[in-house]
Amino acid sequence: MKLLLFSFACLLALPLVANAQTPAPTPRMILPTSAQPARVAGESSLFCAGYIRYQRFGQTPEIVGAEEEQEQRTYADGDIVYINAGSRQGIKEGQSFQIIRPRGDVKGVHRKKVGFLGTYVQEVGQLQVFKVREETSAAKITFTCHAALLGDLLVDIPVRESPLHRAEGNLDRFADPSNKPVGRLMMAKDNRELLTKNDIVYIDLGGEDNVKRGDYLTIYRPLGTGNLTRIDNEEMARNRATGFQSDRYRGGGIGNQASRAKDETAFVDANGRYRYRPITSREVKKDRPAMPRKIVGEMVIIDVQSRTATAIITRVTNEVHTGDWVEIQ
């Protein structure tokens, strides 16, 4: 009897789930989060761009051997290589290095600065040391831009962070100069000459010009320049004093097909006829006032050296090429 009463009391204590009506969930509005601006450069652009180093390299570890050197001449991700530095030189297990390859001093380029600019350094990849001996160390290549070679140098991995894209919009092709430092687009990665968006370039503005990573620059050239060949687009027309449709009526030489001429250029030739010196485009350009520059693109700095900087082109309105001028915005 007590058991039955206990069971009945328990049943009364339970909530009447079956009879209760579950309230409908309250609708919620989920607003989209603001999209973060994209990065200008990815890892390969940041750490494979190369740079022009003004200071000479001192005593630097280098790759002097490889596990499979009996049948390999080039090395890439996952390959084991040996470097000529160990515990005596301060190398530690787990330490990472950047693999670089100096290519030579910068010469024969378009430039505004005078004097020595530096040595062009190709960035090859990265490796990590996993075994250290007294004079040598074993390392595994973890990232490559180009195939590594014996003799490539090792330096500390630079700290780099990609700038953010600015808000998209039409590039002002008629913007006035900022009156800030001006330089030249000297050269581009992989010896390219005609350039476009996302190409890596090198300019002769650097730390000594107060250039900083993330600075945007305008790419421009003087009006009327930039073509590969020179073409004089002059008018081909008959002279006003000769070439009439008929010698009898002599009325067809002064019309829409005649060459342009100014009265102040008139003169009398040996036969007593008036002659006019034609107006030419070259003459007009020579006497005109200073013209606006032609803006062809925009770039952002991703690495700064003493006298130079590495940049990536972000926007273009026309073809860009080596030799163009750049100005800090």
Protein backbone atom coordinates (compact mmCIF):
# COMPACT_ATOMS: atom_id res chain seq x y z
CA MET A 1 0.00 0.00 0.00
CA LYS A 2 2.82 2.41 0.88
CA LEU A 3 4.53 1.56 -2.40
CA LEU A 4 1.39 2.41 -4.38
CA LEU A 5 0.97 5.75 -2.58
CA PHE A 6 4.63 6.63 -3.24
CA SER A 7 4.29 5.82 -6.92
CA PHE A 8 1.11 7.89 -7.21
CA ALA A 9 2.81 10.88 -5.52
CA CYS A 10 5.71 10.69 -7.93
CA LEU A 11 3.37 10.73 -10.87
CA LEU A 12 1.63 13.83 -9.53
CA ALA A 13 5.01 15.59 -9.14
CA LEU A 14 5.94 15.11 -12.82
CA PRO A 15 5.19 18.07 -15.13
CA LEU A 16 2.33 17.59 -17.51
CA VAL A 17 4.58 17.56 -20.57
CA ALA A 18 2.01 16.10 -22.86
CA ASN A 19 -0.54 18.80 -22.14
CA ALA A 20 1.89 21.75 -22.03
CA GLN A 21 2.38 23.62 -25.29
CA THR A 22 6.00 24.39 -26.17
CA PRO A 23 6.29 28.08 -27.11
CA ALA A 24 7.53 28.78 -30.62
CA PRO A 25 11.15 30.04 -30.78
CA THR A 26 11.52 33.78 -31.11
CA PRO A 27 12.86 34.74 -34.57
CA ARG A 28 16.34 36.23 -34.52
CA MET A 29 17.95 38.41 -37.16
CA ILE A 30 21.58 37.59 -37.81
CA LEU A 31 23.31 40.57 -39.37
CA PRO A 32 26.31 39.89 -41.64
CA THR A 33 29.62 40.75 -40.08
CA SER A 34 31.67 43.39 -41.83
CA ALA A 35 34.15 41.80 -44.21
CA GLN A 36 37.77 42.41 -43.33
CA PRO A 37 39.88 43.96 -46.09
CA ALA A 38 41.87 41.37 -48.01
CA ARG A 39 45.64 41.17 -47.80
CA VAL A 40 47.57 42.53 -50.76
CA ALA A 41 50.18 39.76 -50.85
CA GLY A 42 50.14 36.09 -49.95
CA GLU A 43 53.00 34.12 -48.42
CA SER A 44 54.66 33.41 -51.76
CA SER A 45 54.63 37.10 -52.73
CA LEU A 46 55.91 38.21 -49.32
CA PHE A 47 58.76 35.74 -48.96
CA CYS A 48 59.64 35.16 -52.62
CA ALA A 49 59.74 38.78 -53.79
CA GLY A 50 63.47 39.42 -53.43
CA TYR A 51 65.09 42.72 -52.54
CA ILE A 52 68.09 44.96 -53.19
CA ARG A 53 70.42 44.94 -50.17
CA TYR A 54 72.79 47.84 -49.69
CA GLN A 55 74.95 46.25 -46.97
CA ARG A 56 77.34 43.46 -47.87
CA PHE A 57 76.79 40.00 -46.37
CA GLY A 58 79.27 38.98 -43.71
CA GLN A 59 80.10 35.45 -42.58
CA THR A 60 76.90 33.61 -43.45
CA PRO A 61 76.04 29.90 -43.21
CA GLU A 62 75.39 28.18 -46.51
CA ILE A 63 74.09 24.91 -47.90
CA VAL A 64 77.08 22.70 -48.61
CA GLY A 65 75.60 19.22 -48.99
CA ALA A 66 72.43 17.15 -49.27
CA GLU A 67 71.29 13.68 -48.33
CA GLU A 68 70.67 12.71 -51.95
CA GLU A 69 73.37 14.76 -53.59
CA GLN A 70 74.63 11.70 -55.48
CA GLU A 71 71.67 12.06 -57.83
CA GLN A 72 70.24 15.52 -57.18
CA ARG A 73 71.47 18.94 -58.15
CA THR A 74 68.46 20.93 -57.02
CA TYR A 75 66.45 20.66 -53.81
CA ALA A 76 62.88 21.50 -52.85
CA ASP A 77 60.28 20.98 -50.12
CA GLY A 78 61.03 17.98 -47.94
CA ASP A 79 64.63 17.47 -49.05
CA ILE A 80 67.36 17.10 -46.41
CA VAL A 81 70.38 19.38 -46.76
CA TYR A 82 73.50 20.07 -44.70
CA ILE A 83 74.85 23.48 -43.69
CA ASN A 84 78.40 24.44 -42.73
CA ALA A 85 77.52 25.70 -39.25
CA GLY A 86 76.76 23.90 -35.99
CA SER A 87 76.74 24.34 -32.23
CA ARG A 88 80.05 26.18 -32.33
CA GLN A 89 78.42 28.84 -34.51
CA GLY A 90 75.34 29.03 -32.28
CA ILE A 91 73.00 26.91 -34.39
CA LYS A 92 70.17 25.26 -32.43
CA GLU A 93 67.71 22.50 -33.22
CA GLY A 94 64.38 23.85 -34.43
CA GLN A 95 65.96 27.03 -35.74
CA SER A 96 64.62 28.24 -39.10
CA PHE A 97 66.45 30.16 -41.82
CA GLN A 98 65.65 31.83 -45.08
CA ILE A 99 67.51 30.57 -48.16
CA ILE A 100 68.79 33.39 -50.37
CA ARG A 101 70.91 33.74 -53.50
CA PRO A 102 72.71 37.04 -54.28
CA ARG A 103 72.52 37.71 -58.02
CA GLY A 104 74.82 40.71 -58.41
CA ASP A 105 75.03 44.47 -58.00
CA VAL A 106 72.25 46.52 -59.57
CA LYS A 107 73.52 48.21 -62.73
CA GLY A 108 72.14 49.36 -66.05
CA VAL A 109 68.63 50.16 -64.79
CA HIS A 110 66.37 53.21 -64.92
CA ARG A 111 67.14 55.18 -61.79
CA LYS A 112 66.90 58.60 -60.22
CA LYS A 113 69.48 58.07 -57.49
CA VAL A 114 73.21 58.10 -58.14
CA GLY A 115 75.82 55.87 -56.57
CA PHE A 116 75.73 52.27 -55.41
CA LEU A 117 72.20 50.99 -54.76
CA GLY A 118 72.93 47.47 -53.58
CA THR A 119 72.98 43.80 -54.55
CA TYR A 120 69.88 42.09 -55.89
CA VAL A 121 69.04 39.15 -53.61
CA GLN A 122 66.82 36.33 -54.82
CA GLU A 123 64.71 34.70 -52.09
CA VAL A 124 64.78 30.93 -52.62
CA GLY A 125 62.89 29.42 -49.68
CA GLN A 126 63.14 28.38 -46.04
CA LEU A 127 64.50 25.44 -44.02
CA GLN A 128 64.47 24.19 -40.42
CA VAL A 129 67.38 22.63 -38.55
CA PHE A 130 66.64 19.29 -36.86
CA LYS A 131 70.10 17.89 -36.08
CA VAL A 132 73.08 19.90 -34.82
CA ARG A 133 76.70 18.81 -34.65
CA GLU A 134 79.73 20.85 -33.71
CA GLU A 135 80.59 22.13 -37.21
CA THR A 136 77.62 21.07 -39.34
CA SER A 137 73.85 20.77 -39.10
CA ALA A 138 71.14 18.84 -40.92
CA ALA A 139 68.03 20.71 -42.01
CA LYS A 140 64.80 20.04 -43.87
CA ILE A 141 63.58 22.41 -46.57
CA THR A 142 60.10 23.55 -45.58
CA PHE A 143 59.19 26.07 -48.27
CA THR A 144 60.61 26.94 -51.68
CA CYS A 145 60.09 29.71 -54.20
CA HIS A 146 62.76 28.29 -56.50
CA ALA A 147 64.88 25.15 -56.41
CA ALA A 148 67.67 25.44 -53.83
CA LEU A 149 71.29 24.86 -54.81
CA LEU A 150 74.52 24.07 -53.00
CA GLY A 151 76.12 27.39 -52.14
CA ASP A 152 72.89 29.19 -51.33
CA LEU A 153 73.18 31.39 -48.23
CA LEU A 154 71.15 31.29 -45.01
CA VAL A 155 69.87 34.34 -43.12
CA ASP A 156 67.24 34.98 -40.48
CA ILE A 157 63.67 34.91 -41.78
CA PRO A 158 62.50 38.52 -42.10
CA VAL A 159 59.40 39.68 -40.28
CA ARG A 160 56.90 40.70 -42.95
CA GLU A 161 53.18 41.34 -42.91
CA SER A 162 51.11 42.05 -45.98
CA PRO A 163 49.42 45.45 -46.16
CA LEU A 164 45.64 45.52 -46.46
CA HIS A 165 43.86 46.36 -49.69
CA ARG A 166 42.41 49.81 -49.70
CA ALA A 167 38.76 50.34 -50.58
CA GLU A 168 38.25 49.62 -54.24
CA GLY A 169 37.46 52.54 -56.47
CA ASN A 170 38.53 54.17 -59.66
CA LEU A 171 42.11 55.34 -59.60
CA ASP A 172 42.24 59.08 -60.13
CA ARG A 173 44.15 59.35 -63.40
CA PHE A 174 44.33 63.13 -63.12
CA ALA A 175 45.46 63.51 -59.50
CA ASP A 176 47.84 66.35 -58.74
CA PRO A 177 51.36 65.55 -57.50
CA SER A 178 51.71 65.02 -53.76
CA ASN A 179 55.09 66.80 -53.69
CA LYS A 180 56.54 63.87 -51.74
CA PRO A 181 59.70 61.88 -52.67
CA VAL A 182 59.85 60.69 -56.27
CA GLY A 183 61.79 57.72 -57.66
CA ARG A 184 61.94 55.29 -60.57
CA LEU A 185 60.59 51.82 -61.14
CA MET A 186 64.01 50.32 -61.79
CA MET A 187 63.32 46.65 -62.44
CA ALA A 188 60.84 43.86 -61.84
CA LYS A 189 60.96 40.28 -60.65
CA ASP A 190 61.89 37.66 -63.28
CA ASN A 191 63.28 40.38 -65.59
CA ARG A 192 59.81 41.44 -66.71
CA GLU A 193 59.46 44.78 -68.49
CA LEU A 194 55.73 45.16 -69.25
CA LEU A 195 53.91 44.90 -65.94
CA THR A 196 50.41 44.67 -64.53
CA LYS A 197 48.51 44.07 -61.29
CA ASN A 198 50.18 41.78 -58.68
CA ASP A 199 53.64 42.04 -60.28
CA ILE A 200 56.63 42.52 -57.94
CA VAL A 201 58.83 45.55 -58.67
CA TYR A 202 61.86 47.35 -57.20
CA ILE A 203 62.16 51.13 -56.84
CA ASP A 204 64.99 53.48 -55.86
CA LEU A 205 63.22 54.86 -52.79
CA GLY A 206 64.09 53.35 -49.43
CA GLY A 207 64.62 53.92 -45.75
CA GLU A 208 66.72 57.01 -46.39
CA ASP A 209 63.66 58.55 -48.07
CA ASN A 210 61.38 57.73 -45.11
CA VAL A 211 59.55 55.03 -47.08
CA LYS A 212 57.69 52.53 -44.88
CA ARG A 213 56.00 49.18 -45.42
CA GLY A 214 52.39 49.77 -46.37
CA ASP A 215 53.04 53.10 -48.12
CA TYR A 216 51.11 53.53 -51.36
CA LEU A 217 52.75 55.13 -54.38
CA THR A 218 51.44 56.50 -57.66
CA ILE A 219 52.97 55.16 -60.88
CA TYR A 220 53.17 57.73 -63.67
CA ARG A 221 55.13 58.91 -66.68
CA PRO A 222 55.46 62.24 -68.53
CA LEU A 223 52.71 62.86 -71.06
CA GLY A 224 53.57 61.59 -74.54
CA THR A 225 56.14 58.99 -73.40
CA GLY A 226 56.02 55.26 -72.91
CA ASN A 227 55.79 53.91 -76.44
CA LEU A 228 58.25 51.36 -77.79
CA THR A 229 58.75 53.12 -81.13
CA ARG A 230 58.70 56.78 -82.12
CA ILE A 231 56.04 57.79 -84.63
CA ASP A 232 55.62 61.36 -85.88
CA ASN A 233 51.90 61.59 -86.56
CA GLU A 234 52.04 64.64 -88.80
CA GLU A 235 49.47 65.68 -91.35
CA MET A 236 50.09 64.72 -94.95
CA ALA A 237 48.47 67.46 -97.02
CA ARG A 238 49.12 69.50 -100.09
CA ASN A 239 50.78 72.87 -99.86
CA ARG A 240 48.41 75.83 -100.18
CA ALA A 241 50.35 77.45 -103.02
CA THR A 242 50.44 74.41 -105.33
CA GLY A 243 48.56 71.25 -106.09
CA PHE A 244 45.23 72.77 -107.20
CA GLN A 245 42.66 70.57 -108.89
CA SER A 246 43.19 72.49 -112.12
CA ASP A 247 45.72 75.06 -113.22
CA ARG A 248 42.99 76.95 -115.11
CA TYR A 249 40.70 77.76 -112.22
CA ARG A 250 43.15 77.33 -109.39
CA GLY A 251 40.55 77.04 -106.66
CA GLY A 252 40.97 73.66 -105.01
CA GLY A 253 44.05 74.13 -102.88
CA ILE A 254 42.51 76.06 -100.01
CA GLY A 255 40.05 73.72 -98.34
CA ASN A 256 39.65 70.91 -95.89
CA GLN A 257 42.42 68.96 -97.59
CA ALA A 258 45.03 71.71 -97.42
CA SER A 259 47.77 71.77 -94.82
CA ARG A 260 47.29 74.00 -91.79
CA ALA A 261 49.23 77.24 -91.70
CA LYS A 262 49.53 80.42 -89.68
CA ASP A 263 49.61 83.81 -91.30
CA GLU A 264 52.71 84.78 -89.37
CA THR A 265 54.59 81.94 -91.05
CA ALA A 266 53.95 83.28 -94.56
CA PHE A 267 56.90 84.21 -96.74
CA VAL A 268 57.56 84.92 -100.41
CA ASP A 269 59.59 82.34 -102.34
CA ALA A 270 61.99 82.95 -105.23
CA ASN A 271 59.11 82.85 -107.74
CA GLY A 272 57.22 85.57 -105.93
CA ARG A 273 54.59 83.22 -104.48
CA TYR A 274 53.42 83.20 -100.92
CA ARG A 275 54.40 80.12 -98.96
CA TYR A 276 53.28 78.97 -95.51
CA ARG A 277 55.14 76.80 -93.09
CA PRO A 278 52.77 73.99 -92.01
CA ILE A 279 51.80 73.66 -88.36
CA THR A 280 53.28 70.46 -86.87
CA SER A 281 52.46 68.52 -83.73
CA ARG A 282 56.08 68.68 -82.66
CA GLU A 283 56.00 72.48 -82.80
CA VAL A 284 52.79 72.58 -80.76
CA LYS A 285 54.26 70.30 -78.09
CA LYS A 286 57.44 72.35 -77.92
CA ASP A 287 55.65 75.63 -77.19
CA ARG A 288 52.89 74.38 -74.88
CA PRO A 289 52.92 74.96 -71.09
CA ALA A 290 53.75 72.21 -68.60
CA MET A 291 51.34 69.31 -69.09
CA PRO A 292 49.81 67.01 -66.46
CA ARG A 293 51.53 63.67 -65.93
CA LYS A 294 49.99 60.42 -67.16
CA ILE A 295 49.03 58.19 -64.20
CA VAL A 296 49.16 54.50 -65.10
CA GLY A 297 48.91 52.63 -61.78
CA GLU A 298 49.41 52.28 -58.07
CA MET A 299 51.67 50.15 -55.86
CA VAL A 300 52.23 49.38 -52.18
CA ILE A 301 55.53 48.78 -50.38
CA ILE A 302 56.05 45.30 -48.89
CA ASP A 303 59.75 45.51 -47.94
CA VAL A 304 62.14 48.41 -47.30
CA GLN A 305 65.93 48.43 -47.59
CA SER A 306 68.40 51.28 -47.09
CA ARG A 307 68.24 52.82 -50.57
CA THR A 308 65.56 50.77 -52.29
CA ALA A 309 62.22 49.09 -51.66
CA THR A 310 60.20 46.16 -52.97
CA ALA A 311 56.60 46.79 -53.95
CA ILE A 312 53.62 45.02 -55.45
CA ILE A 313 51.37 46.64 -58.07
CA THR A 314 47.79 46.88 -56.81
CA ARG A 315 45.93 48.75 -59.56
CA VAL A 316 46.60 49.79 -63.16
CA THR A 317 44.88 52.01 -65.69
CA ASN A 318 47.33 51.27 -68.48
CA GLU A 319 50.36 49.10 -69.07
CA VAL A 320 53.16 49.74 -66.58
CA HIS A 321 56.78 49.23 -67.51
CA THR A 322 60.25 49.59 -66.10
CA GLY A 323 61.40 53.18 -66.23
CA ASP A 324 58.11 54.64 -65.05
CA TRP A 325 58.21 57.16 -62.21
CA VAL A 326 56.75 56.63 -58.74
CA GLU A 327 55.67 59.13 -56.09
CA ILE A 328 54.64 58.55 -52.47
CA GLN A 329 50.97 59.39 -52.01
